[in-house]
């Protein structure tokens, strides 16, 4: 069950987290200033307000993360991928159960952060060898490809994508640094 606490669904006569309208809120503030309300009551009031604020932030964050995917877009993207070309020979993605798909993107899965970042980085490292210019160009290519993927997706990608990118770039950056290169001038 999700409780929607966004301001769009709150009673228009309520203006604060304590359930007070504007006049009640002003009276409450005056009582605090005069010392009529203090100690435990004031602490409880602030705790309630804080709790409701945190609930509102959490609810908004959860809604953003669980926004519905356009399954047709996902299926179209999946159809355009040559899985055999990237070494995947398992069960067709579209035929997988949710648990099978989760295993595939888990830490140890073929499309998990570790294996995917290794494939990306290893492609650049094997193609670039010890040539700093080629390594930097490969690094920039990964970033450009990632930016293009965001455009195709229509915005922010799932978090696993950013983790994968960071891990792949870190592996490439380590090689560039070991060869005496500067990472700062290697960003796209």
N, C-alpha and C. Protein backbone atom coordinates (compact mmCIF):
# COMPACT_ATOMS: atom_id res chain seq x y z
N UNK A 1 0.84 -1.18 0.00
CA UNK A 1 0.00 0.00 0.00
C UNK A 1 0.88 1.23 0.00
N UNK A 2 0.53 2.18 -0.81
CA UNK A 2 1.30 3.41 -0.89
C UNK A 2 0.42 4.56 -0.46
N UNK A 3 0.95 5.39 0.40
CA UNK A 3 0.22 6.56 0.87
C UNK A 3 0.73 7.75 0.11
N UNK A 4 -0.16 8.42 -0.56
CA UNK A 4 0.25 9.59 -1.33
C UNK A 4 0.13 10.82 -0.44
N UNK A 5 1.26 11.42 -0.15
CA UNK A 5 1.26 12.60 0.71
C UNK A 5 1.68 13.84 -0.04
N UNK A 6 1.64 13.80 -1.37
CA UNK A 6 2.04 14.98 -2.13
C UNK A 6 1.01 16.08 -1.92
N UNK A 7 1.42 17.32 -2.10
CA UNK A 7 0.55 18.45 -1.82
C UNK A 7 -0.68 18.48 -2.69
N UNK A 8 -0.65 17.82 -3.83
CA UNK A 8 -1.81 17.80 -4.70
C UNK A 8 -2.98 17.03 -4.12
N UNK A 9 -2.74 16.12 -3.15
CA UNK A 9 -3.82 15.33 -2.61
C UNK A 9 -4.19 15.74 -1.19
N UNK A 10 -3.57 16.74 -0.66
CA UNK A 10 -3.85 17.19 0.70
C UNK A 10 -5.05 18.13 0.69
N UNK A 11 -5.83 18.03 1.73
CA UNK A 11 -6.99 18.91 1.91
C UNK A 11 -6.54 20.36 1.73
N UNK A 12 -7.21 21.13 0.88
CA UNK A 12 -6.76 22.50 0.62
C UNK A 12 -6.83 23.41 1.84
N UNK A 13 -7.56 22.99 2.86
CA UNK A 13 -7.65 23.82 4.06
C UNK A 13 -6.53 23.53 5.04
N UNK A 14 -5.74 22.54 4.75
CA UNK A 14 -4.62 22.19 5.61
C UNK A 14 -3.35 22.74 4.99
N UNK A 15 -2.57 23.45 5.80
CA UNK A 15 -1.38 24.09 5.24
C UNK A 15 -0.08 23.61 5.83
N UNK A 16 -0.14 22.79 6.85
CA UNK A 16 1.13 22.29 7.38
C UNK A 16 0.99 20.84 7.81
N UNK A 17 2.10 20.24 8.17
CA UNK A 17 2.11 18.82 8.48
C UNK A 17 1.38 18.50 9.78
N UNK A 18 1.10 19.48 10.59
CA UNK A 18 0.39 19.25 11.83
C UNK A 18 -1.12 19.27 11.64
N UNK A 19 -1.58 19.48 10.44
CA UNK A 19 -2.99 19.48 10.16
C UNK A 19 -3.68 20.78 10.56
N UNK A 20 -2.95 21.86 10.58
CA UNK A 20 -3.51 23.14 10.97
C UNK A 20 -3.71 24.02 9.74
N UNK A 21 -4.82 24.78 9.76
CA UNK A 21 -5.00 25.74 8.69
C UNK A 21 -4.16 26.98 9.02
N UNK A 22 -4.23 27.99 8.18
CA UNK A 22 -3.37 29.16 8.33
C UNK A 22 -3.54 29.84 9.69
N UNK A 23 -4.79 30.04 10.15
CA UNK A 23 -5.04 30.72 11.44
C UNK A 23 -4.52 29.86 12.60
N UNK A 24 -4.84 28.56 12.55
CA UNK A 24 -4.37 27.67 13.61
C UNK A 24 -2.85 27.62 13.65
N UNK A 25 -2.23 27.63 12.48
CA UNK A 25 -0.78 27.62 12.40
C UNK A 25 -0.18 28.87 13.03
N UNK A 26 -0.78 30.03 12.73
CA UNK A 26 -0.30 31.29 13.32
C UNK A 26 -0.49 31.27 14.83
N UNK A 27 -1.64 30.77 15.30
CA UNK A 27 -1.87 30.67 16.74
C UNK A 27 -0.85 29.74 17.40
N UNK A 28 -0.55 28.63 16.72
CA UNK A 28 0.41 27.67 17.24
C UNK A 28 1.79 28.32 17.37
N UNK A 29 2.19 29.07 16.33
CA UNK A 29 3.49 29.75 16.38
C UNK A 29 3.54 30.78 17.50
N UNK A 30 2.46 31.48 17.72
CA UNK A 30 2.41 32.46 18.82
C UNK A 30 2.55 31.77 20.17
N UNK A 31 1.89 30.63 20.32
CA UNK A 31 1.98 29.88 21.58
C UNK A 31 3.42 29.40 21.83
N UNK A 32 4.12 29.06 20.75
CA UNK A 32 5.52 28.65 20.90
C UNK A 32 6.35 29.85 21.34
N UNK A 33 6.14 31.01 20.69
CA UNK A 33 6.91 32.21 21.03
C UNK A 33 6.66 32.66 22.46
N UNK A 34 5.41 32.53 22.90
CA UNK A 34 5.07 32.98 24.25
C UNK A 34 5.51 31.99 25.31
N UNK A 35 5.87 30.78 24.91
CA UNK A 35 6.30 29.78 25.87
C UNK A 35 5.16 28.91 26.37
N UNK A 36 3.94 29.19 25.89
CA UNK A 36 2.78 28.41 26.31
C UNK A 36 2.92 26.94 25.88
N UNK A 37 3.50 26.75 24.70
CA UNK A 37 3.80 25.40 24.23
C UNK A 37 5.32 25.25 24.22
N UNK A 38 5.78 24.26 24.95
CA UNK A 38 7.23 24.05 25.01
C UNK A 38 7.50 22.60 25.38
N UNK A 39 8.72 22.32 25.52
CA UNK A 39 9.15 21.01 26.00
C UNK A 39 8.65 19.86 25.14
N UNK A 40 8.03 18.90 25.82
CA UNK A 40 7.62 17.66 25.19
C UNK A 40 6.59 17.89 24.07
N UNK A 41 5.64 18.76 24.26
CA UNK A 41 4.62 19.03 23.25
C UNK A 41 5.26 19.60 22.00
N UNK A 42 6.16 20.54 22.16
CA UNK A 42 6.84 21.14 21.02
C UNK A 42 7.70 20.11 20.29
N UNK A 43 8.41 19.30 21.07
CA UNK A 43 9.24 18.25 20.48
C UNK A 43 8.39 17.28 19.68
N UNK A 44 7.24 16.89 20.24
CA UNK A 44 6.36 15.97 19.54
C UNK A 44 5.82 16.60 18.25
N UNK A 45 5.50 17.87 18.31
CA UNK A 45 4.98 18.56 17.12
C UNK A 45 6.04 18.59 16.02
N UNK A 46 7.27 18.89 16.39
CA UNK A 46 8.34 18.91 15.39
C UNK A 46 8.62 17.50 14.85
N UNK A 47 8.54 16.51 15.73
CA UNK A 47 8.76 15.13 15.30
C UNK A 47 7.69 14.70 14.29
N UNK A 48 6.44 15.05 14.55
CA UNK A 48 5.36 14.70 13.62
C UNK A 48 5.60 15.41 12.28
N UNK A 49 5.92 16.68 12.32
CA UNK A 49 6.15 17.43 11.10
C UNK A 49 7.33 16.84 10.32
N UNK A 50 8.40 16.50 11.02
CA UNK A 50 9.57 15.90 10.38
C UNK A 50 9.20 14.55 9.75
N UNK A 51 8.47 13.72 10.49
CA UNK A 51 8.08 12.40 9.99
C UNK A 51 7.24 12.52 8.72
N UNK A 52 6.31 13.45 8.71
CA UNK A 52 5.46 13.61 7.53
C UNK A 52 6.26 14.16 6.34
N UNK A 53 7.22 15.02 6.62
CA UNK A 53 8.07 15.54 5.55
C UNK A 53 8.90 14.42 4.94
N UNK A 54 9.50 13.58 5.78
CA UNK A 54 10.30 12.45 5.31
C UNK A 54 9.43 11.48 4.52
N UNK A 55 8.20 11.23 5.02
CA UNK A 55 7.29 10.35 4.31
C UNK A 55 6.99 10.91 2.92
N UNK A 56 6.82 12.21 2.82
CA UNK A 56 6.53 12.85 1.54
C UNK A 56 7.71 12.68 0.59
N UNK A 57 8.93 12.92 1.08
CA UNK A 57 10.11 12.75 0.24
C UNK A 57 10.26 11.29 -0.21
N UNK A 58 10.09 10.36 0.73
CA UNK A 58 10.22 8.94 0.41
C UNK A 58 9.18 8.51 -0.61
N UNK A 59 7.97 8.98 -0.43
CA UNK A 59 6.90 8.63 -1.36
C UNK A 59 7.23 9.13 -2.76
N UNK A 60 7.70 10.35 -2.86
CA UNK A 60 8.07 10.92 -4.16
C UNK A 60 9.20 10.15 -4.81
N UNK A 61 10.19 9.75 -4.01
CA UNK A 61 11.33 8.99 -4.51
C UNK A 61 10.87 7.62 -5.00
N UNK A 62 9.99 6.97 -4.23
CA UNK A 62 9.49 5.66 -4.62
C UNK A 62 8.69 5.76 -5.91
N UNK A 63 7.85 6.78 -6.02
CA UNK A 63 7.06 6.96 -7.23
C UNK A 63 7.97 7.15 -8.45
N UNK A 64 9.04 7.91 -8.29
CA UNK A 64 9.95 8.16 -9.40
C UNK A 64 10.67 6.89 -9.82
N UNK A 65 11.07 6.08 -8.84
CA UNK A 65 11.81 4.86 -9.16
C UNK A 65 10.91 3.76 -9.72
N UNK A 66 9.64 3.79 -9.34
CA UNK A 66 8.76 2.73 -9.81
C UNK A 66 7.84 3.19 -10.93
N UNK A 67 8.24 4.26 -11.60
CA UNK A 67 7.44 4.76 -12.71
C UNK A 67 7.29 3.64 -13.75
N UNK A 68 6.13 3.52 -14.32
CA UNK A 68 5.91 2.42 -15.26
C UNK A 68 6.76 2.57 -16.51
N UNK A 69 7.32 1.44 -16.95
CA UNK A 69 8.10 1.43 -18.18
C UNK A 69 7.14 1.30 -19.35
N UNK A 70 7.53 1.83 -20.46
CA UNK A 70 6.80 1.62 -21.70
C UNK A 70 7.29 0.28 -22.23
N UNK A 71 6.54 -0.77 -21.94
CA UNK A 71 6.98 -2.12 -22.30
C UNK A 71 7.18 -2.28 -23.81
N UNK A 72 6.41 -1.57 -24.61
CA UNK A 72 6.62 -1.65 -26.05
C UNK A 72 7.99 -1.11 -26.43
N UNK A 73 8.40 -0.02 -25.76
CA UNK A 73 9.73 0.55 -26.02
C UNK A 73 10.81 -0.45 -25.62
N UNK A 74 10.63 -1.07 -24.45
CA UNK A 74 11.61 -2.04 -23.97
C UNK A 74 11.70 -3.21 -24.96
N UNK A 75 10.55 -3.71 -25.40
CA UNK A 75 10.56 -4.84 -26.34
C UNK A 75 11.21 -4.46 -27.66
N UNK A 76 10.95 -3.25 -28.15
CA UNK A 76 11.59 -2.79 -29.38
C UNK A 76 13.10 -2.72 -29.24
N UNK A 77 13.55 -2.22 -28.10
CA UNK A 77 15.00 -2.13 -27.86
C UNK A 77 15.60 -3.54 -27.81
N UNK A 78 14.93 -4.45 -27.12
CA UNK A 78 15.43 -5.82 -27.02
C UNK A 78 15.50 -6.50 -28.38
N UNK A 79 14.52 -6.24 -29.24
CA UNK A 79 14.52 -6.85 -30.57
C UNK A 79 15.68 -6.35 -31.43
N UNK A 80 16.16 -5.15 -31.14
CA UNK A 80 17.22 -4.57 -31.96
C UNK A 80 18.62 -5.02 -31.54
N UNK A 81 18.72 -5.77 -30.48
CA UNK A 81 20.03 -6.20 -29.97
C UNK A 81 20.39 -7.58 -30.51
N UNK A 82 21.60 -7.70 -31.02
CA UNK A 82 22.13 -8.98 -31.46
C UNK A 82 22.84 -9.61 -30.27
N UNK A 83 22.12 -10.38 -29.49
CA UNK A 83 22.66 -10.94 -28.25
C UNK A 83 23.83 -11.88 -28.49
N UNK A 84 23.78 -12.63 -29.58
CA UNK A 84 24.88 -13.55 -29.87
C UNK A 84 26.17 -12.79 -30.15
N UNK A 85 26.06 -11.61 -30.74
CA UNK A 85 27.24 -10.81 -31.05
C UNK A 85 27.95 -10.34 -29.79
N UNK A 86 27.23 -10.24 -28.69
CA UNK A 86 27.87 -9.82 -27.43
C UNK A 86 28.17 -11.01 -26.53
N UNK A 87 27.94 -12.22 -27.05
CA UNK A 87 28.32 -13.41 -26.32
C UNK A 87 27.21 -14.04 -25.50
N UNK A 88 26.01 -13.52 -25.56
CA UNK A 88 24.90 -14.11 -24.79
C UNK A 88 24.21 -15.16 -25.64
N UNK A 89 24.16 -16.39 -25.12
CA UNK A 89 23.54 -17.49 -25.85
C UNK A 89 22.46 -18.17 -25.01
N UNK A 90 22.04 -17.53 -23.95
CA UNK A 90 21.03 -18.12 -23.07
C UNK A 90 19.62 -17.99 -23.59
N UNK A 91 18.68 -18.23 -22.71
CA UNK A 91 17.25 -18.18 -23.02
C UNK A 91 16.88 -16.80 -23.56
N UNK A 92 16.01 -16.74 -24.56
CA UNK A 92 15.58 -15.43 -25.08
C UNK A 92 15.02 -14.54 -23.96
N UNK A 93 15.45 -13.31 -23.92
CA UNK A 93 15.08 -12.38 -22.85
C UNK A 93 13.55 -12.24 -22.75
N UNK A 94 12.89 -12.11 -23.86
CA UNK A 94 11.44 -11.90 -23.85
C UNK A 94 10.68 -13.10 -23.29
N UNK A 95 11.30 -14.27 -23.24
CA UNK A 95 10.65 -15.48 -22.75
C UNK A 95 10.95 -15.77 -21.29
N UNK A 96 11.68 -14.88 -20.64
CA UNK A 96 12.10 -15.14 -19.26
C UNK A 96 11.02 -14.77 -18.25
N UNK A 97 11.06 -15.47 -17.14
CA UNK A 97 10.21 -15.12 -16.00
C UNK A 97 10.88 -13.95 -15.28
N UNK A 98 10.15 -13.25 -14.44
CA UNK A 98 10.79 -12.15 -13.69
C UNK A 98 12.00 -12.60 -12.87
N UNK A 99 11.93 -13.79 -12.27
CA UNK A 99 13.07 -14.28 -11.48
C UNK A 99 14.28 -14.58 -12.36
N UNK A 100 14.04 -15.12 -13.55
CA UNK A 100 15.15 -15.40 -14.47
C UNK A 100 15.79 -14.10 -14.94
N UNK A 101 14.96 -13.09 -15.20
CA UNK A 101 15.48 -11.79 -15.64
C UNK A 101 16.29 -11.14 -14.52
N UNK A 102 15.81 -11.25 -13.29
CA UNK A 102 16.55 -10.68 -12.15
C UNK A 102 17.91 -11.35 -12.01
N UNK A 103 17.94 -12.68 -12.19
CA UNK A 103 19.21 -13.40 -12.09
C UNK A 103 20.18 -12.95 -13.17
N UNK A 104 19.65 -12.64 -14.34
CA UNK A 104 20.49 -12.22 -15.46
C UNK A 104 21.17 -10.88 -15.20
N UNK A 105 20.51 -9.99 -14.44
CA UNK A 105 21.10 -8.68 -14.14
C UNK A 105 21.65 -8.60 -12.73
N UNK A 106 21.65 -9.74 -12.01
CA UNK A 106 22.23 -9.76 -10.66
C UNK A 106 23.74 -9.56 -10.75
N UNK A 107 24.37 -9.42 -9.63
CA UNK A 107 25.81 -9.16 -9.61
C UNK A 107 26.59 -10.22 -10.39
N UNK A 108 26.18 -11.46 -10.30
CA UNK A 108 26.89 -12.53 -10.99
C UNK A 108 26.29 -12.87 -12.36
N UNK A 109 25.25 -12.18 -12.76
CA UNK A 109 24.57 -12.47 -14.01
C UNK A 109 25.32 -11.93 -15.21
N UNK A 110 24.98 -12.46 -16.39
CA UNK A 110 25.64 -12.05 -17.63
C UNK A 110 25.50 -10.56 -17.87
N UNK A 111 24.36 -9.99 -17.55
CA UNK A 111 24.14 -8.56 -17.74
C UNK A 111 24.27 -7.77 -16.43
N UNK A 112 24.87 -8.38 -15.41
CA UNK A 112 25.13 -7.69 -14.15
C UNK A 112 26.24 -6.67 -14.32
N UNK A 113 26.43 -5.85 -13.31
CA UNK A 113 27.42 -4.77 -13.36
C UNK A 113 28.82 -5.29 -13.67
N UNK A 114 29.24 -6.32 -12.98
CA UNK A 114 30.62 -6.79 -13.13
C UNK A 114 30.90 -7.31 -14.54
N UNK A 115 30.10 -8.25 -15.02
CA UNK A 115 30.38 -8.84 -16.33
C UNK A 115 30.21 -7.83 -17.46
N UNK A 116 29.20 -6.98 -17.37
CA UNK A 116 28.97 -6.00 -18.44
C UNK A 116 30.07 -4.94 -18.45
N UNK A 117 30.44 -4.46 -17.28
CA UNK A 117 31.51 -3.45 -17.24
C UNK A 117 32.83 -4.05 -17.70
N UNK A 118 33.07 -5.31 -17.37
CA UNK A 118 34.29 -5.97 -17.84
C UNK A 118 34.30 -6.08 -19.37
N UNK A 119 33.15 -6.44 -19.96
CA UNK A 119 33.10 -6.54 -21.43
C UNK A 119 33.37 -5.18 -22.07
N UNK A 120 32.77 -4.13 -21.53
CA UNK A 120 32.99 -2.79 -22.09
C UNK A 120 34.46 -2.38 -21.97
N UNK A 121 34.98 -2.50 -20.76
CA UNK A 121 36.36 -2.07 -20.52
C UNK A 121 37.36 -2.93 -21.30
N UNK A 122 37.14 -4.23 -21.30
CA UNK A 122 38.07 -5.12 -22.01
C UNK A 122 38.10 -4.84 -23.51
N UNK A 123 36.97 -4.47 -24.08
CA UNK A 123 36.93 -4.12 -25.49
C UNK A 123 37.85 -2.93 -25.76
N UNK A 124 37.75 -1.90 -24.93
CA UNK A 124 38.59 -0.70 -25.10
C UNK A 124 40.05 -1.03 -24.80
N UNK A 125 40.29 -1.78 -23.73
CA UNK A 125 41.67 -2.09 -23.34
C UNK A 125 42.37 -2.97 -24.38
N UNK A 126 41.65 -3.93 -24.93
CA UNK A 126 42.29 -4.78 -25.94
C UNK A 126 42.50 -4.03 -27.25
N UNK A 127 41.60 -3.15 -27.59
CA UNK A 127 41.75 -2.36 -28.81
C UNK A 127 42.78 -1.25 -28.68
N UNK A 128 42.90 -0.71 -27.48
CA UNK A 128 43.82 0.42 -27.26
C UNK A 128 45.22 -0.01 -26.91
N UNK A 129 45.35 -1.20 -26.34
CA UNK A 129 46.68 -1.66 -25.92
C UNK A 129 47.34 -0.67 -24.98
N UNK A 130 48.55 -0.24 -25.33
CA UNK A 130 49.27 0.75 -24.52
C UNK A 130 49.26 2.13 -25.17
N UNK A 131 48.40 2.34 -26.12
CA UNK A 131 48.31 3.62 -26.83
C UNK A 131 47.31 4.52 -26.10
N UNK A 132 47.83 5.57 -25.46
CA UNK A 132 46.98 6.47 -24.68
C UNK A 132 45.88 7.11 -25.51
N UNK A 133 46.19 7.51 -26.72
CA UNK A 133 45.18 8.15 -27.57
C UNK A 133 44.03 7.20 -27.88
N UNK A 134 44.35 5.95 -28.18
CA UNK A 134 43.30 4.97 -28.47
C UNK A 134 42.47 4.65 -27.23
N UNK A 135 43.14 4.56 -26.08
CA UNK A 135 42.42 4.29 -24.84
C UNK A 135 41.47 5.44 -24.50
N UNK A 136 41.95 6.67 -24.67
CA UNK A 136 41.10 7.83 -24.40
C UNK A 136 39.94 7.90 -25.39
N UNK A 137 40.21 7.58 -26.65
CA UNK A 137 39.15 7.59 -27.66
C UNK A 137 38.10 6.51 -27.34
N UNK A 138 38.56 5.36 -26.90
CA UNK A 138 37.63 4.29 -26.52
C UNK A 138 36.79 4.69 -25.32
N UNK A 139 37.44 5.35 -24.36
CA UNK A 139 36.72 5.83 -23.17
C UNK A 139 35.66 6.83 -23.58
N UNK A 140 36.02 7.76 -24.44
CA UNK A 140 35.06 8.77 -24.92
C UNK A 140 33.93 8.10 -25.71
N UNK A 141 34.26 7.04 -26.45
CA UNK A 141 33.24 6.31 -27.20
C UNK A 141 32.21 5.66 -26.28
N UNK A 142 32.68 5.12 -25.17
CA UNK A 142 31.75 4.53 -24.21
C UNK A 142 30.80 5.60 -23.67
N UNK A 143 31.35 6.76 -23.34
CA UNK A 143 30.52 7.84 -22.80
C UNK A 143 29.51 8.32 -23.85
N UNK A 144 29.97 8.48 -25.09
CA UNK A 144 29.04 8.90 -26.16
C UNK A 144 27.93 7.86 -26.36
N UNK A 145 28.31 6.60 -26.36
CA UNK A 145 27.32 5.53 -26.50
C UNK A 145 26.32 5.53 -25.36
N UNK A 146 26.81 5.78 -24.18
CA UNK A 146 25.94 5.84 -23.01
C UNK A 146 24.95 7.00 -23.15
N UNK A 147 25.46 8.15 -23.59
CA UNK A 147 24.58 9.32 -23.78
C UNK A 147 23.53 9.04 -24.85
N UNK A 148 23.92 8.32 -25.90
CA UNK A 148 22.96 7.97 -26.94
C UNK A 148 21.91 6.99 -26.41
N UNK A 149 22.34 6.09 -25.53
CA UNK A 149 21.40 5.14 -24.93
C UNK A 149 20.36 5.89 -24.08
N UNK A 150 20.81 6.93 -23.37
CA UNK A 150 19.85 7.74 -22.60
C UNK A 150 18.82 8.39 -23.52
N UNK A 151 19.27 8.88 -24.66
CA UNK A 151 18.35 9.51 -25.62
C UNK A 151 17.35 8.49 -26.15
N UNK A 152 17.83 7.30 -26.51
CA UNK A 152 16.96 6.25 -27.03
C UNK A 152 15.94 5.85 -25.96
N UNK A 153 16.42 5.73 -24.73
CA UNK A 153 15.56 5.34 -23.61
C UNK A 153 14.55 6.44 -23.29
N UNK A 154 14.92 7.67 -23.55
CA UNK A 154 14.02 8.79 -23.29
C UNK A 154 14.28 9.46 -21.96
N UNK A 155 15.47 9.36 -21.44
CA UNK A 155 15.80 10.01 -20.17
C UNK A 155 16.74 9.16 -19.35
N UNK A 156 16.62 9.29 -18.04
CA UNK A 156 17.50 8.59 -17.11
C UNK A 156 17.34 7.08 -17.23
N UNK A 157 18.46 6.39 -17.34
CA UNK A 157 18.47 4.93 -17.43
C UNK A 157 18.34 4.33 -16.03
N UNK A 158 18.06 3.04 -15.95
CA UNK A 158 18.05 2.38 -14.64
C UNK A 158 19.42 2.52 -13.96
N UNK A 159 19.42 2.53 -12.63
CA UNK A 159 20.65 2.74 -11.85
C UNK A 159 21.76 1.76 -12.21
N UNK A 160 21.42 0.53 -12.55
CA UNK A 160 22.43 -0.47 -12.90
C UNK A 160 23.29 0.02 -14.06
N UNK A 161 22.72 0.80 -14.95
CA UNK A 161 23.46 1.32 -16.10
C UNK A 161 24.57 2.27 -15.65
N UNK A 162 24.27 3.12 -14.70
CA UNK A 162 25.26 4.09 -14.21
C UNK A 162 26.36 3.39 -13.41
N UNK A 163 25.97 2.36 -12.65
CA UNK A 163 26.97 1.58 -11.91
C UNK A 163 27.91 0.88 -12.89
N UNK A 164 27.34 0.34 -13.96
CA UNK A 164 28.14 -0.35 -14.97
C UNK A 164 29.11 0.61 -15.65
N UNK A 165 28.60 1.77 -16.03
CA UNK A 165 29.45 2.79 -16.67
C UNK A 165 30.60 3.18 -15.76
N UNK A 166 30.29 3.47 -14.50
CA UNK A 166 31.34 3.88 -13.55
C UNK A 166 32.42 2.81 -13.41
N UNK A 167 31.99 1.55 -13.31
CA UNK A 167 32.96 0.47 -13.12
C UNK A 167 33.82 0.27 -14.37
N UNK A 168 33.21 0.36 -15.55
CA UNK A 168 33.97 0.21 -16.80
C UNK A 168 34.98 1.34 -16.95
N UNK A 169 34.53 2.58 -16.71
CA UNK A 169 35.44 3.72 -16.83
C UNK A 169 36.57 3.65 -15.81
N UNK A 170 36.28 3.16 -14.62
CA UNK A 170 37.33 3.04 -13.59
C UNK A 170 38.42 2.08 -14.05
N UNK A 171 38.03 1.00 -14.69
CA UNK A 171 39.02 0.03 -15.19
C UNK A 171 39.87 0.65 -16.29
N UNK A 172 39.25 1.39 -17.19
CA UNK A 172 39.98 2.05 -18.28
C UNK A 172 40.87 3.16 -17.71
N UNK A 173 40.33 3.92 -16.77
CA UNK A 173 41.08 5.01 -16.14
C UNK A 173 42.34 4.49 -15.44
N UNK A 174 42.22 3.32 -14.83
CA UNK A 174 43.37 2.73 -14.14
C UNK A 174 44.50 2.46 -15.14
N UNK A 175 44.14 1.95 -16.30
CA UNK A 175 45.14 1.66 -17.34
C UNK A 175 45.75 2.97 -17.87
N UNK A 176 44.90 3.97 -18.12
CA UNK A 176 45.39 5.26 -18.62
C UNK A 176 46.36 5.89 -17.61
N UNK A 177 45.99 5.83 -16.35
CA UNK A 177 46.84 6.40 -15.30
C UNK A 177 48.16 5.62 -15.19
N UNK A 178 48.09 4.30 -15.29
CA UNK A 178 49.30 3.46 -15.20
C UNK A 178 50.27 3.78 -16.34
N UNK A 179 49.73 4.22 -17.49
CA UNK A 179 50.58 4.59 -18.62
C UNK A 179 51.02 6.04 -18.56
N UNK A 180 50.67 6.73 -17.47
CA UNK A 180 51.08 8.13 -17.31
C UNK A 180 50.12 9.13 -17.92
N UNK A 181 48.96 8.67 -18.34
CA UNK A 181 47.96 9.57 -18.94
C UNK A 181 47.16 10.33 -17.90
N UNK A 182 46.48 11.34 -18.36
CA UNK A 182 45.66 12.17 -17.50
C UNK A 182 44.20 11.88 -17.79
N UNK A 183 43.45 11.48 -16.75
CA UNK A 183 42.04 11.14 -16.90
C UNK A 183 41.20 12.37 -17.19
N UNK A 184 41.59 13.51 -16.65
CA UNK A 184 40.78 14.73 -16.78
C UNK A 184 40.59 15.17 -18.21
N UNK A 185 41.54 14.92 -19.05
CA UNK A 185 41.39 15.34 -20.45
C UNK A 185 40.81 14.22 -21.32
N UNK A 186 40.31 13.15 -20.67
CA UNK A 186 39.79 12.00 -21.43
C UNK A 186 38.27 11.94 -21.42
N UNK A 187 37.60 12.94 -20.84
CA UNK A 187 36.15 12.90 -20.80
C UNK A 187 35.54 13.52 -22.03
N UNK A 188 34.41 12.98 -22.44
CA UNK A 188 33.74 13.51 -23.62
C UNK A 188 32.90 14.70 -23.29
